[in-house]
Amino acid sequence: MTMAEQDAPLLVRRPGRRLSQVLRDLQAREGLRISVGDIVGALRDRSFAPLLVIFSAPNIFLFIPGSSVFTGLPLMVLAVQLILGRPDVWLPQFVARRSLDRSAFDRIVTVSVPYVERVERLARPRWWPTSYLLAERVIGLCTLILAIFLFLPIPFANGLPALSIILLALGLSERDGYWFAAGLVLTVLSTGFVAGVVFLGGVAVLELLFR
């Protein structure tokens, strides 16, 4: 690898393996539990998009008690690094040591991969922004906002933000501007939805307090 390739932004690099194959390869790894650090080590410079999907998927496809708290923090850490333009993932040890039971991880991959594969059949490198660094930062900023929504204990408000992150991750993985744009649109809708849920919840609390 040349010095120019080492310094290139993440989104300039060739996509390499498809996201679905990366997830299936991770599913094939042995062990009773799989940690965030294990995933990052296996993915190397392909780690951002798969990790975004892995930590978003439980909020859509499966109900795992406390999953929003477990997934929200790593997503925030990933988002900040995208904003800063890091070419690969670095995680603090207290995040890297977080792990999922093998059966839970297998369920996430088994349920989410068919949907990812359907999107991949339609996705291809196209209409990607000319400023790669700007695209990285926009995806990172959107992911940070959405991850905060996931981290907050807001009932029934996890699905849309998580789906928004997945669309952004697929755009990132495939360098597809259409999916990137779809993720941006859904981010706006998710923000409005979560704001509406919070507003209605606040109104309900005030009514109970001042009856």
N, C-alpha and C. Protein backbone atom coordinates (compact mmCIF):
# COMPACT_ATOMS: atom_id res chain seq x y z
N MET A 1 0.85 -1.19 0.00
CA MET A 1 0.00 0.00 0.00
C MET A 1 0.89 1.24 0.00
N THR A 2 0.61 2.21 -0.89
CA THR A 2 1.41 3.42 -0.96
C THR A 2 1.00 4.39 0.12
N MET A 3 1.86 5.41 0.34
CA MET A 3 1.55 6.43 1.33
C MET A 3 0.28 7.17 0.97
N ALA A 4 0.06 7.38 -0.34
CA ALA A 4 -1.16 8.08 -0.77
C ALA A 4 -2.39 7.29 -0.41
N GLU A 5 -2.33 5.95 -0.57
CA GLU A 5 -3.48 5.12 -0.22
C GLU A 5 -3.71 5.11 1.27
N GLN A 6 -2.61 5.15 2.06
CA GLN A 6 -2.77 5.14 3.50
C GLN A 6 -3.45 6.41 3.99
N ASP A 7 -3.16 7.54 3.32
CA ASP A 7 -3.70 8.81 3.76
C ASP A 7 -5.07 9.11 3.16
N ALA A 8 -5.52 8.30 2.20
CA ALA A 8 -6.78 8.59 1.52
C ALA A 8 -7.94 8.45 2.48
N PRO A 9 -8.98 9.30 2.34
CA PRO A 9 -10.18 9.17 3.16
C PRO A 9 -10.84 7.82 2.94
N LEU A 10 -11.59 7.40 3.91
CA LEU A 10 -12.23 6.09 3.85
C LEU A 10 -13.08 5.93 2.60
N LEU A 11 -13.85 6.96 2.24
CA LEU A 11 -14.78 6.81 1.14
C LEU A 11 -14.10 6.82 -0.23
N VAL A 12 -12.82 7.17 -0.29
CA VAL A 12 -12.12 7.14 -1.56
C VAL A 12 -11.69 5.73 -1.91
N ARG A 13 -11.53 4.90 -0.90
CA ARG A 13 -11.00 3.55 -1.12
C ARG A 13 -12.00 2.67 -1.86
N ARG A 14 -11.50 1.65 -2.50
CA ARG A 14 -12.39 0.71 -3.18
C ARG A 14 -13.23 -0.03 -2.14
N PRO A 15 -14.53 -0.24 -2.42
CA PRO A 15 -15.40 -0.86 -1.44
C PRO A 15 -14.98 -2.25 -1.00
N GLY A 16 -14.36 -3.06 -1.89
CA GLY A 16 -13.96 -4.40 -1.46
C GLY A 16 -15.16 -5.33 -1.35
N ARG A 17 -15.13 -6.22 -0.35
CA ARG A 17 -16.22 -7.18 -0.18
C ARG A 17 -17.53 -6.47 0.11
N ARG A 18 -18.62 -7.09 -0.33
CA ARG A 18 -19.93 -6.51 -0.07
C ARG A 18 -20.27 -6.67 1.41
N LEU A 19 -21.11 -5.78 1.88
CA LEU A 19 -21.46 -5.74 3.29
C LEU A 19 -22.07 -7.06 3.75
N SER A 20 -22.94 -7.66 2.93
CA SER A 20 -23.57 -8.92 3.32
C SER A 20 -22.54 -10.02 3.53
N GLN A 21 -21.50 -10.05 2.68
CA GLN A 21 -20.47 -11.08 2.82
C GLN A 21 -19.64 -10.85 4.08
N VAL A 22 -19.37 -9.59 4.39
CA VAL A 22 -18.65 -9.27 5.61
C VAL A 22 -19.43 -9.77 6.83
N LEU A 23 -20.73 -9.53 6.85
CA LEU A 23 -21.55 -9.96 7.97
C LEU A 23 -21.60 -11.48 8.08
N ARG A 24 -21.69 -12.17 6.94
CA ARG A 24 -21.71 -13.64 6.97
C ARG A 24 -20.36 -14.19 7.45
N ASP A 25 -19.28 -13.57 7.06
CA ASP A 25 -17.96 -14.01 7.53
C ASP A 25 -17.85 -13.86 9.04
N LEU A 26 -18.39 -12.78 9.58
CA LEU A 26 -18.38 -12.58 11.02
C LEU A 26 -19.23 -13.63 11.72
N GLN A 27 -20.35 -13.99 11.11
CA GLN A 27 -21.22 -15.00 11.70
C GLN A 27 -20.53 -16.36 11.77
N ALA A 28 -19.62 -16.61 10.84
CA ALA A 28 -18.92 -17.90 10.80
C ALA A 28 -17.80 -18.01 11.82
N ARG A 29 -17.43 -16.91 12.47
CA ARG A 29 -16.37 -16.96 13.47
C ARG A 29 -16.81 -17.77 14.68
N GLU A 30 -15.83 -18.41 15.35
CA GLU A 30 -16.14 -19.27 16.49
C GLU A 30 -16.13 -18.47 17.78
N GLY A 31 -16.73 -19.05 18.83
CA GLY A 31 -16.73 -18.42 20.14
C GLY A 31 -18.13 -18.30 20.70
N LEU A 32 -18.23 -18.33 22.04
CA LEU A 32 -19.53 -18.22 22.69
C LEU A 32 -20.08 -16.81 22.65
N ARG A 33 -19.17 -15.82 22.61
CA ARG A 33 -19.57 -14.43 22.55
C ARG A 33 -18.71 -13.73 21.49
N ILE A 34 -19.23 -12.65 20.98
CA ILE A 34 -18.45 -11.86 20.02
C ILE A 34 -18.43 -10.42 20.51
N SER A 35 -17.23 -9.87 20.63
CA SER A 35 -17.09 -8.52 21.18
C SER A 35 -16.98 -7.51 20.05
N VAL A 36 -17.19 -6.25 20.40
CA VAL A 36 -17.02 -5.17 19.44
C VAL A 36 -15.58 -5.16 18.91
N GLY A 37 -14.62 -5.39 19.80
CA GLY A 37 -13.23 -5.42 19.39
C GLY A 37 -12.94 -6.53 18.39
N ASP A 38 -13.56 -7.70 18.57
CA ASP A 38 -13.39 -8.81 17.62
C ASP A 38 -13.86 -8.40 16.23
N ILE A 39 -15.00 -7.71 16.18
CA ILE A 39 -15.57 -7.30 14.90
C ILE A 39 -14.67 -6.29 14.21
N VAL A 40 -14.22 -5.30 14.97
CA VAL A 40 -13.35 -4.27 14.40
C VAL A 40 -12.06 -4.89 13.87
N GLY A 41 -11.46 -5.80 14.64
CA GLY A 41 -10.23 -6.44 14.20
C GLY A 41 -10.40 -7.25 12.93
N ALA A 42 -11.56 -7.88 12.78
CA ALA A 42 -11.80 -8.70 11.59
C ALA A 42 -12.07 -7.86 10.35
N LEU A 43 -12.63 -6.66 10.54
CA LEU A 43 -13.07 -5.86 9.40
C LEU A 43 -12.01 -4.91 8.87
N ARG A 44 -11.06 -4.51 9.70
CA ARG A 44 -10.02 -3.56 9.33
C ARG A 44 -10.64 -2.29 8.77
N ASP A 45 -10.24 -1.86 7.54
CA ASP A 45 -10.72 -0.58 7.03
C ASP A 45 -12.14 -0.66 6.47
N ARG A 46 -12.75 -1.86 6.55
CA ARG A 46 -14.14 -1.99 6.12
C ARG A 46 -15.08 -1.91 7.31
N SER A 47 -14.60 -1.45 8.45
CA SER A 47 -15.36 -1.63 9.68
C SER A 47 -16.49 -0.64 9.89
N PHE A 48 -16.42 0.57 9.34
CA PHE A 48 -17.44 1.56 9.63
C PHE A 48 -18.84 1.10 9.21
N ALA A 49 -19.02 0.78 7.93
CA ALA A 49 -20.36 0.44 7.45
C ALA A 49 -20.93 -0.81 8.12
N PRO A 50 -20.18 -1.93 8.18
CA PRO A 50 -20.74 -3.10 8.88
C PRO A 50 -21.08 -2.84 10.33
N LEU A 51 -20.23 -2.08 11.04
CA LEU A 51 -20.52 -1.79 12.44
C LEU A 51 -21.77 -0.94 12.59
N LEU A 52 -21.97 0.01 11.69
CA LEU A 52 -23.18 0.82 11.74
C LEU A 52 -24.42 -0.06 11.58
N VAL A 53 -24.34 -1.03 10.67
CA VAL A 53 -25.47 -1.94 10.47
C VAL A 53 -25.67 -2.84 11.68
N ILE A 54 -24.57 -3.42 12.17
CA ILE A 54 -24.66 -4.37 13.29
C ILE A 54 -25.28 -3.72 14.53
N PHE A 55 -24.91 -2.47 14.81
CA PHE A 55 -25.41 -1.81 16.01
C PHE A 55 -26.78 -1.15 15.80
N SER A 56 -27.20 -1.02 14.56
CA SER A 56 -28.53 -0.47 14.30
C SER A 56 -29.59 -1.57 14.17
N ALA A 57 -29.20 -2.70 13.59
CA ALA A 57 -30.16 -3.76 13.27
C ALA A 57 -31.00 -4.25 14.46
N PRO A 58 -30.42 -4.42 15.66
CA PRO A 58 -31.27 -4.92 16.77
C PRO A 58 -32.45 -4.01 17.08
N ASN A 59 -32.35 -2.73 16.78
CA ASN A 59 -33.42 -1.80 17.07
C ASN A 59 -34.57 -1.88 16.06
N ILE A 60 -34.34 -2.64 14.98
CA ILE A 60 -35.38 -2.80 13.95
C ILE A 60 -35.91 -4.23 13.91
N PHE A 61 -35.00 -5.18 13.80
CA PHE A 61 -35.39 -6.56 13.51
C PHE A 61 -35.67 -7.40 14.75
N LEU A 62 -35.07 -7.07 15.86
CA LEU A 62 -35.18 -7.91 17.04
C LEU A 62 -35.45 -7.06 18.27
N PHE A 63 -36.12 -7.66 19.25
CA PHE A 63 -36.26 -6.98 20.53
C PHE A 63 -35.31 -7.63 21.52
N ILE A 64 -34.26 -6.89 21.86
CA ILE A 64 -33.31 -7.34 22.87
C ILE A 64 -33.36 -6.33 24.00
N PRO A 65 -33.79 -6.73 25.20
CA PRO A 65 -33.91 -5.77 26.31
C PRO A 65 -32.63 -4.97 26.51
N GLY A 66 -32.78 -3.64 26.57
CA GLY A 66 -31.63 -2.78 26.77
C GLY A 66 -30.77 -2.59 25.54
N SER A 67 -31.25 -3.03 24.37
CA SER A 67 -30.42 -2.96 23.17
C SER A 67 -30.11 -1.53 22.76
N SER A 68 -31.03 -0.60 22.98
CA SER A 68 -30.77 0.77 22.57
C SER A 68 -29.61 1.38 23.36
N VAL A 69 -29.50 1.01 24.63
CA VAL A 69 -28.37 1.50 25.44
C VAL A 69 -27.07 0.82 24.98
N PHE A 70 -27.14 -0.49 24.69
CA PHE A 70 -25.96 -1.23 24.25
C PHE A 70 -25.46 -0.74 22.90
N THR A 71 -26.37 -0.41 21.99
CA THR A 71 -25.97 -0.04 20.64
C THR A 71 -25.73 1.45 20.48
N GLY A 72 -26.40 2.27 21.27
CA GLY A 72 -26.31 3.71 21.08
C GLY A 72 -24.92 4.27 21.30
N LEU A 73 -24.24 3.84 22.36
CA LEU A 73 -22.91 4.38 22.68
C LEU A 73 -21.88 4.06 21.61
N PRO A 74 -21.74 2.79 21.17
CA PRO A 74 -20.79 2.52 20.08
C PRO A 74 -21.10 3.31 18.81
N LEU A 75 -22.39 3.49 18.50
CA LEU A 75 -22.75 4.27 17.31
C LEU A 75 -22.30 5.72 17.44
N MET A 76 -22.39 6.28 18.65
CA MET A 76 -21.93 7.65 18.86
C MET A 76 -20.42 7.75 18.66
N VAL A 77 -19.69 6.75 19.17
CA VAL A 77 -18.23 6.75 19.02
C VAL A 77 -17.86 6.65 17.54
N LEU A 78 -18.53 5.77 16.80
CA LEU A 78 -18.27 5.64 15.37
C LEU A 78 -18.58 6.93 14.63
N ALA A 79 -19.69 7.56 14.99
CA ALA A 79 -20.10 8.79 14.32
C ALA A 79 -19.07 9.90 14.50
N VAL A 80 -18.57 10.04 15.71
CA VAL A 80 -17.57 11.08 15.98
C VAL A 80 -16.32 10.85 15.13
N GLN A 81 -15.93 9.59 14.96
CA GLN A 81 -14.73 9.30 14.17
C GLN A 81 -14.95 9.56 12.68
N LEU A 82 -16.17 9.33 12.20
CA LEU A 82 -16.47 9.70 10.82
C LEU A 82 -16.40 11.21 10.63
N ILE A 83 -16.92 11.94 11.61
CA ILE A 83 -16.87 13.40 11.54
C ILE A 83 -15.43 13.89 11.51
N LEU A 84 -14.57 13.23 12.28
CA LEU A 84 -13.16 13.62 12.34
C LEU A 84 -12.37 13.13 11.13
N GLY A 85 -12.98 12.27 10.30
CA GLY A 85 -12.32 11.81 9.09
C GLY A 85 -11.31 10.71 9.30
N ARG A 86 -11.46 9.92 10.37
CA ARG A 86 -10.52 8.81 10.59
C ARG A 86 -10.67 7.76 9.48
N PRO A 87 -9.56 7.19 8.98
CA PRO A 87 -9.65 6.19 7.92
C PRO A 87 -10.06 4.81 8.42
N ASP A 88 -9.93 4.56 9.72
CA ASP A 88 -10.35 3.28 10.28
C ASP A 88 -10.85 3.50 11.70
N VAL A 89 -11.43 2.45 12.26
CA VAL A 89 -12.10 2.58 13.56
C VAL A 89 -11.13 2.39 14.70
N TRP A 90 -11.22 3.26 15.69
CA TRP A 90 -10.56 3.08 16.97
C TRP A 90 -11.64 3.18 18.04
N LEU A 91 -11.63 2.24 18.98
CA LEU A 91 -12.61 2.25 20.05
C LEU A 91 -11.92 2.17 21.41
N PRO A 92 -12.40 2.93 22.38
CA PRO A 92 -11.86 2.78 23.73
C PRO A 92 -12.16 1.39 24.27
N GLN A 93 -11.34 0.93 25.19
CA GLN A 93 -11.46 -0.45 25.68
C GLN A 93 -12.83 -0.75 26.28
N PHE A 94 -13.42 0.22 26.98
CA PHE A 94 -14.71 -0.07 27.61
C PHE A 94 -15.81 -0.28 26.58
N VAL A 95 -15.61 0.24 25.36
CA VAL A 95 -16.55 -0.03 24.27
C VAL A 95 -16.14 -1.31 23.55
N ALA A 96 -14.83 -1.48 23.27
CA ALA A 96 -14.35 -2.65 22.54
C ALA A 96 -14.66 -3.95 23.28
N ARG A 97 -14.70 -3.91 24.62
CA ARG A 97 -14.96 -5.12 25.41
C ARG A 97 -16.43 -5.50 25.45
N ARG A 98 -17.30 -4.60 25.05
CA ARG A 98 -18.73 -4.94 25.04
C ARG A 98 -18.96 -6.11 24.09
N SER A 99 -19.78 -7.05 24.50
CA SER A 99 -19.96 -8.24 23.67
C SER A 99 -21.42 -8.67 23.67
N LEU A 100 -21.73 -9.46 22.65
CA LEU A 100 -23.06 -10.05 22.52
C LEU A 100 -22.93 -11.56 22.59
N ASP A 101 -23.94 -12.19 23.14
CA ASP A 101 -24.02 -13.63 23.09
C ASP A 101 -24.05 -14.08 21.64
N ARG A 102 -23.35 -15.18 21.35
CA ARG A 102 -23.27 -15.67 19.98
C ARG A 102 -24.64 -15.86 19.35
N SER A 103 -25.58 -16.42 20.10
CA SER A 103 -26.91 -16.67 19.53
C SER A 103 -27.60 -15.36 19.16
N ALA A 104 -27.43 -14.31 19.98
CA ALA A 104 -28.04 -13.02 19.68
C ALA A 104 -27.41 -12.41 18.42
N PHE A 105 -26.08 -12.50 18.31
CA PHE A 105 -25.41 -11.98 17.12
C PHE A 105 -25.84 -12.74 15.87
N ASP A 106 -25.94 -14.07 15.98
CA ASP A 106 -26.38 -14.87 14.84
C ASP A 106 -27.78 -14.48 14.40
N ARG A 107 -28.65 -14.20 15.36
CA ARG A 107 -30.02 -13.79 15.02
C ARG A 107 -30.01 -12.46 14.28
N ILE A 108 -29.18 -11.53 14.73
CA ILE A 108 -29.10 -10.23 14.08
C ILE A 108 -28.68 -10.39 12.62
N VAL A 109 -27.62 -11.18 12.40
CA VAL A 109 -27.10 -11.37 11.05
C VAL A 109 -28.10 -12.13 10.19
N THR A 110 -28.67 -13.21 10.73
CA THR A 110 -29.60 -14.04 9.96
C THR A 110 -30.81 -13.24 9.50
N VAL A 111 -31.32 -12.38 10.37
CA VAL A 111 -32.52 -11.61 10.01
C VAL A 111 -32.19 -10.44 9.11
N SER A 112 -31.06 -9.77 9.34
CA SER A 112 -30.77 -8.54 8.60
C SER A 112 -30.14 -8.77 7.24
N VAL A 113 -29.32 -9.83 7.08
CA VAL A 113 -28.59 -10.02 5.83
C VAL A 113 -29.49 -10.15 4.61
N PRO A 114 -30.62 -10.88 4.64
CA PRO A 114 -31.47 -10.92 3.44
C PRO A 114 -31.92 -9.55 2.98
N TYR A 115 -32.22 -8.65 3.91
CA TYR A 115 -32.61 -7.29 3.54
C TYR A 115 -31.43 -6.53 2.94
N VAL A 116 -30.24 -6.72 3.54
CA VAL A 116 -29.05 -6.07 3.02
C VAL A 116 -28.76 -6.55 1.60
N GLU A 117 -28.93 -7.84 1.36
CA GLU A 117 -28.65 -8.39 0.03
C GLU A 117 -29.62 -7.84 -1.01
N ARG A 118 -30.88 -7.65 -0.63
CA ARG A 118 -31.84 -7.06 -1.57
C ARG A 118 -31.42 -5.67 -1.98
N VAL A 119 -30.96 -4.89 -1.01
CA VAL A 119 -30.51 -3.54 -1.32
C VAL A 119 -29.25 -3.59 -2.19
N GLU A 120 -28.33 -4.50 -1.88
CA GLU A 120 -27.08 -4.59 -2.63
C GLU A 120 -27.31 -4.92 -4.10
N ARG A 121 -28.39 -5.66 -4.39
CA ARG A 121 -28.68 -5.96 -5.78
C ARG A 121 -29.05 -4.70 -6.56
N LEU A 122 -29.55 -3.71 -5.84
CA LEU A 122 -29.94 -2.46 -6.48
C LEU A 122 -28.85 -1.39 -6.37
N ALA A 123 -27.90 -1.60 -5.46
CA ALA A 123 -26.89 -0.57 -5.18
C ALA A 123 -25.65 -0.76 -6.04
N ARG A 124 -25.03 0.35 -6.39
CA ARG A 124 -23.77 0.33 -7.12
C ARG A 124 -23.13 1.72 -6.98
N PRO A 125 -21.85 1.82 -7.20
CA PRO A 125 -21.20 3.14 -7.12
C PRO A 125 -21.78 4.09 -8.16
N ARG A 126 -22.41 5.17 -7.70
CA ARG A 126 -23.02 6.14 -8.61
C ARG A 126 -23.40 7.40 -7.83
N TRP A 127 -23.44 8.49 -8.53
CA TRP A 127 -23.94 9.76 -8.01
C TRP A 127 -23.37 10.07 -6.64
N TRP A 128 -22.09 9.73 -6.45
CA TRP A 128 -21.48 9.96 -5.14
C TRP A 128 -20.95 11.39 -5.09
N PRO A 129 -21.08 12.08 -3.94
CA PRO A 129 -20.61 13.47 -3.85
C PRO A 129 -19.14 13.60 -4.23
N THR A 130 -18.83 14.72 -4.89
CA THR A 130 -17.44 14.92 -5.32
C THR A 130 -16.51 15.15 -4.13
N SER A 131 -17.04 15.68 -3.04
CA SER A 131 -16.22 15.89 -1.84
C SER A 131 -16.40 14.70 -0.91
N TYR A 132 -15.44 13.77 -0.92
CA TYR A 132 -15.55 12.57 -0.10
C TYR A 132 -15.49 12.90 1.39
N LEU A 133 -14.62 13.85 1.74
CA LEU A 133 -14.51 14.21 3.15
C LEU A 133 -15.81 14.82 3.66
N LEU A 134 -16.46 15.62 2.82
CA LEU A 134 -17.74 16.20 3.22
C LEU A 134 -18.78 15.11 3.42
N ALA A 135 -18.81 14.12 2.51
CA ALA A 135 -19.76 13.02 2.64
C ALA A 135 -19.54 12.26 3.93
N GLU A 136 -18.26 11.99 4.27
CA GLU A 136 -17.95 11.32 5.54
C GLU A 136 -18.52 12.08 6.72
N ARG A 137 -18.30 13.39 6.71
CA ARG A 137 -18.72 14.20 7.85
C ARG A 137 -20.23 14.31 7.94
N VAL A 138 -20.91 14.38 6.80
CA VAL A 138 -22.37 14.44 6.82
C VAL A 138 -22.95 13.14 7.37
N ILE A 139 -22.42 12.00 6.91
CA ILE A 139 -22.88 10.71 7.43
C ILE A 139 -22.60 10.61 8.92
N GLY A 140 -21.42 11.05 9.34
CA GLY A 140 -21.07 11.02 10.76
C GLY A 140 -21.99 11.88 11.59
N LEU A 141 -22.29 13.10 11.13
CA LEU A 141 -23.15 14.01 11.88
C LEU A 141 -24.57 13.44 12.00
N CYS A 142 -25.11 12.93 10.89
CA CYS A 142 -26.44 12.33 10.92
C CYS A 142 -26.47 11.13 11.87
N THR A 143 -25.45 10.30 11.79
CA THR A 143 -25.39 9.12 12.66
C THR A 143 -25.31 9.51 14.11
N LEU A 144 -24.56 10.56 14.43
CA LEU A 144 -24.45 11.01 15.82
C LEU A 144 -25.80 11.45 16.36
N ILE A 145 -26.54 12.23 15.59
CA ILE A 145 -27.87 12.68 16.02
C ILE A 145 -28.80 11.49 16.23
N LEU A 146 -28.78 10.57 15.26
CA LEU A 146 -29.67 9.40 15.34
C LEU A 146 -29.28 8.48 16.48
N ALA A 147 -27.97 8.33 16.73
CA ALA A 147 -27.51 7.48 17.83
C ALA A 147 -27.94 8.05 19.17
N ILE A 148 -27.94 9.36 19.29
CA ILE A 148 -28.44 9.98 20.53
C ILE A 148 -29.91 9.65 20.74
N PHE A 149 -30.68 9.67 19.65
CA PHE A 149 -32.10 9.28 19.75
C PHE A 149 -32.22 7.84 20.25
N LEU A 150 -31.36 6.95 19.71
CA LEU A 150 -31.41 5.55 20.12
C LEU A 150 -31.02 5.37 21.58
N PHE A 151 -30.07 6.18 22.03
CA PHE A 151 -29.57 6.06 23.39
C PHE A 151 -30.60 6.53 24.42
N LEU A 152 -31.43 7.50 24.03
CA LEU A 152 -32.43 8.02 24.96
C LEU A 152 -33.56 7.01 25.14
N PRO A 153 -34.10 6.90 26.36
CA PRO A 153 -35.19 5.93 26.62
C PRO A 153 -36.53 6.46 26.14
N ILE A 154 -36.68 6.53 24.81
CA ILE A 154 -37.93 7.03 24.21
C ILE A 154 -38.69 5.84 23.65
N PRO A 155 -39.85 5.50 24.22
CA PRO A 155 -40.60 4.32 23.76
C PRO A 155 -41.02 4.43 22.29
N PHE A 156 -40.90 3.32 21.55
CA PHE A 156 -41.38 3.20 20.18
C PHE A 156 -40.70 4.18 19.21
N ALA A 157 -39.54 4.70 19.56
CA ALA A 157 -38.89 5.70 18.69
C ALA A 157 -37.54 5.22 18.16
N ASN A 158 -37.30 3.92 18.20
CA ASN A 158 -35.99 3.41 17.78
C ASN A 158 -35.93 3.01 16.30
N GLY A 159 -37.06 2.56 15.76
CA GLY A 159 -37.06 1.96 14.44
C GLY A 159 -36.59 2.88 13.33
N LEU A 160 -37.20 4.07 13.22
CA LEU A 160 -36.85 4.98 12.13
C LEU A 160 -35.40 5.48 12.21
N PRO A 161 -34.93 5.92 13.39
CA PRO A 161 -33.52 6.32 13.45
C PRO A 161 -32.56 5.19 13.07
N ALA A 162 -32.84 3.97 13.53
CA ALA A 162 -31.97 2.84 13.20
C ALA A 162 -31.99 2.55 11.71
N LEU A 163 -33.16 2.61 11.09
CA LEU A 163 -33.26 2.38 9.65
C LEU A 163 -32.52 3.47 8.88
N SER A 164 -32.58 4.70 9.37
CA SER A 164 -31.85 5.80 8.73
C SER A 164 -30.35 5.53 8.73
N ILE A 165 -29.84 5.05 9.85
CA ILE A 165 -28.40 4.75 9.94
C ILE A 165 -28.03 3.63 8.98
N ILE A 166 -28.88 2.62 8.86
CA ILE A 166 -28.59 1.51 7.96
C ILE A 166 -28.54 1.99 6.51
N LEU A 167 -29.46 2.86 6.11
CA LEU A 167 -29.43 3.39 4.74
C LEU A 167 -28.15 4.20 4.50
N LEU A 168 -27.77 5.00 5.47
CA LEU A 168 -26.52 5.75 5.34
C LEU A 168 -25.32 4.81 5.25
N ALA A 169 -25.35 3.73 6.05
CA ALA A 169 -24.25 2.76 6.03
C ALA A 169 -24.17 2.05 4.68
N LEU A 170 -25.32 1.72 4.09
CA LEU A 170 -25.31 1.06 2.78
C LEU A 170 -24.79 2.00 1.70
N GLY A 171 -25.15 3.28 1.80
CA GLY A 171 -24.58 4.25 0.88
C GLY A 171 -23.08 4.33 1.03
N LEU A 172 -22.61 4.32 2.28
CA LEU A 172 -21.18 4.35 2.59
C LEU A 172 -20.47 3.11 2.05
N SER A 173 -21.09 1.96 2.25
CA SER A 173 -20.47 0.69 1.84
C SER A 173 -20.36 0.57 0.33
N GLU A 174 -21.44 0.94 -0.38
CA GLU A 174 -21.50 0.73 -1.82
C GLU A 174 -21.14 1.97 -2.63
N ARG A 175 -20.84 3.09 -1.94
CA ARG A 175 -20.56 4.36 -2.61
C ARG A 175 -21.73 4.75 -3.53
N ASP A 176 -22.96 4.54 -3.02
CA ASP A 176 -24.16 4.78 -3.81
C ASP A 176 -24.85 6.05 -3.29
N GLY A 177 -24.83 7.09 -4.10
CA GLY A 177 -25.42 8.35 -3.69
C GLY A 177 -26.93 8.29 -3.52
N TYR A 178 -27.61 7.36 -4.22
CA TYR A 178 -29.05 7.24 -4.06
C TYR A 178 -29.41 6.80 -2.64
N TRP A 179 -28.70 5.79 -2.14
CA TRP A 179 -28.98 5.32 -0.79
C TRP A 179 -28.53 6.34 0.25
N PHE A 180 -27.45 7.04 -0.06
CA PHE A 180 -27.00 8.12 0.79
C PHE A 180 -28.09 9.18 0.91
N ALA A 181 -28.68 9.57 -0.23
CA ALA A 181 -29.75 10.58 -0.22
C ALA A 181 -30.98 10.06 0.52
N ALA A 182 -31.31 8.78 0.32
CA ALA A 182 -32.45 8.19 1.02
C ALA A 182 -32.22 8.22 2.53
N GLY A 183 -30.99 7.94 2.95
CA GLY A 183 -30.67 8.01 4.38
C GLY A 183 -30.82 9.42 4.93
N LEU A 184 -30.42 10.42 4.14
CA LEU A 184 -30.55 11.81 4.59
C LEU A 184 -32.02 12.20 4.74
N VAL A 185 -32.83 11.81 3.77
CA VAL A 185 -34.26 12.11 3.84
C VAL A 185 -34.90 11.45 5.06
N LEU A 186 -34.56 10.18 5.27
CA LEU A 186 -35.14 9.46 6.41
C LEU A 186 -34.61 10.02 7.73
N THR A 187 -33.40 10.56 7.73
CA THR A 187 -32.88 11.20 8.94
C THR A 187 -33.73 12.40 9.32
N VAL A 188 -34.11 13.19 8.33
CA VAL A 188 -34.99 14.34 8.60
C VAL A 188 -36.34 13.87 9.14
N LEU A 189 -36.91 12.84 8.50
CA LEU A 189 -38.20 12.31 8.96
C LEU A 189 -38.09 11.73 10.36
N SER A 190 -36.99 11.03 10.64
CA SER A 190 -36.78 10.44 11.97
C SER A 190 -36.68 11.52 13.03
N THR A 191 -35.96 12.60 12.71
CA THR A 191 -35.82 13.69 13.66
C THR A 191 -37.18 14.30 13.98
N GLY A 192 -37.99 14.50 12.94
CA GLY A 192 -39.33 15.03 13.16
C GLY A 192 -40.20 14.09 13.97
N PHE A 193 -40.08 12.78 13.69
CA PHE A 193 -40.88 11.80 14.41
C PHE A 193 -40.50 11.76 15.89
N VAL A 194 -39.20 11.69 16.17
CA VAL A 194 -38.74 11.64 17.56
C VAL A 194 -39.12 12.92 18.29
N ALA A 195 -38.98 14.07 17.63
CA ALA A 195 -39.36 15.34 18.25
C ALA A 195 -40.86 15.33 18.58
N GLY A 196 -41.67 14.77 17.67
CA GLY A 196 -43.11 14.68 17.92
C GLY A 196 -43.44 13.78 19.09
N VAL A 197 -42.74 12.63 19.18
CA VAL A 197 -42.97 11.72 20.30
C VAL A 197 -42.60 12.38 21.62
N VAL A 198 -41.47 13.08 21.65
CA VAL A 198 -41.04 13.76 22.87
C VAL A 198 -42.03 14.86 23.24
N PHE A 199 -42.49 15.60 22.25
CA PHE A 199 -43.45 16.69 22.51
C PHE A 199 -44.75 16.14 23.08
N LEU A 200 -45.29 15.10 22.46
CA LEU A 200 -46.54 14.52 22.94
C LEU A 200 -46.36 13.92 24.33
N GLY A 201 -45.21 13.29 24.58
CA GLY A 201 -44.94 12.74 25.91
C GLY A 201 -44.86 13.85 26.94
N GLY A 202 -44.22 14.97 26.59
CA GLY A 202 -44.14 16.09 27.51
C GLY A 202 -45.50 16.68 27.82
N VAL A 203 -46.34 16.79 26.79
CA VAL A 203 -47.70 17.31 26.99
C VAL A 203 -48.49 16.39 27.92
N ALA A 204 -48.35 15.07 27.71
CA ALA A 204 -49.08 14.11 28.55
C ALA A 204 -48.62 14.21 30.01
N VAL A 205 -47.31 14.37 30.22
CA VAL A 205 -46.79 14.50 31.60
C VAL A 205 -47.31 15.77 32.25
N LEU A 206 -47.32 16.87 31.52
CA LEU A 206 -47.82 18.13 32.07
C LEU A 206 -49.29 18.05 32.42
N GLU A 207 -50.06 17.36 31.59
CA GLU A 207 -51.48 17.20 31.90
C GLU A 207 -51.71 16.40 33.18
N LEU A 208 -50.87 15.37 33.37
CA LEU A 208 -51.00 14.58 34.60
C LEU A 208 -50.59 15.40 35.83
N LEU A 209 -49.60 16.26 35.68
CA LEU A 209 -49.10 17.03 36.82
C LEU A 209 -50.03 18.18 37.20
N PHE A 210 -50.71 18.76 36.22
CA PHE A 210 -51.49 19.97 36.49
C PHE A 210 -52.99 19.78 36.29
N ARG A 211 -53.44 18.57 36.49
CA ARG A 211 -54.88 18.32 36.44
C ARG A 211 -55.57 18.99 37.61
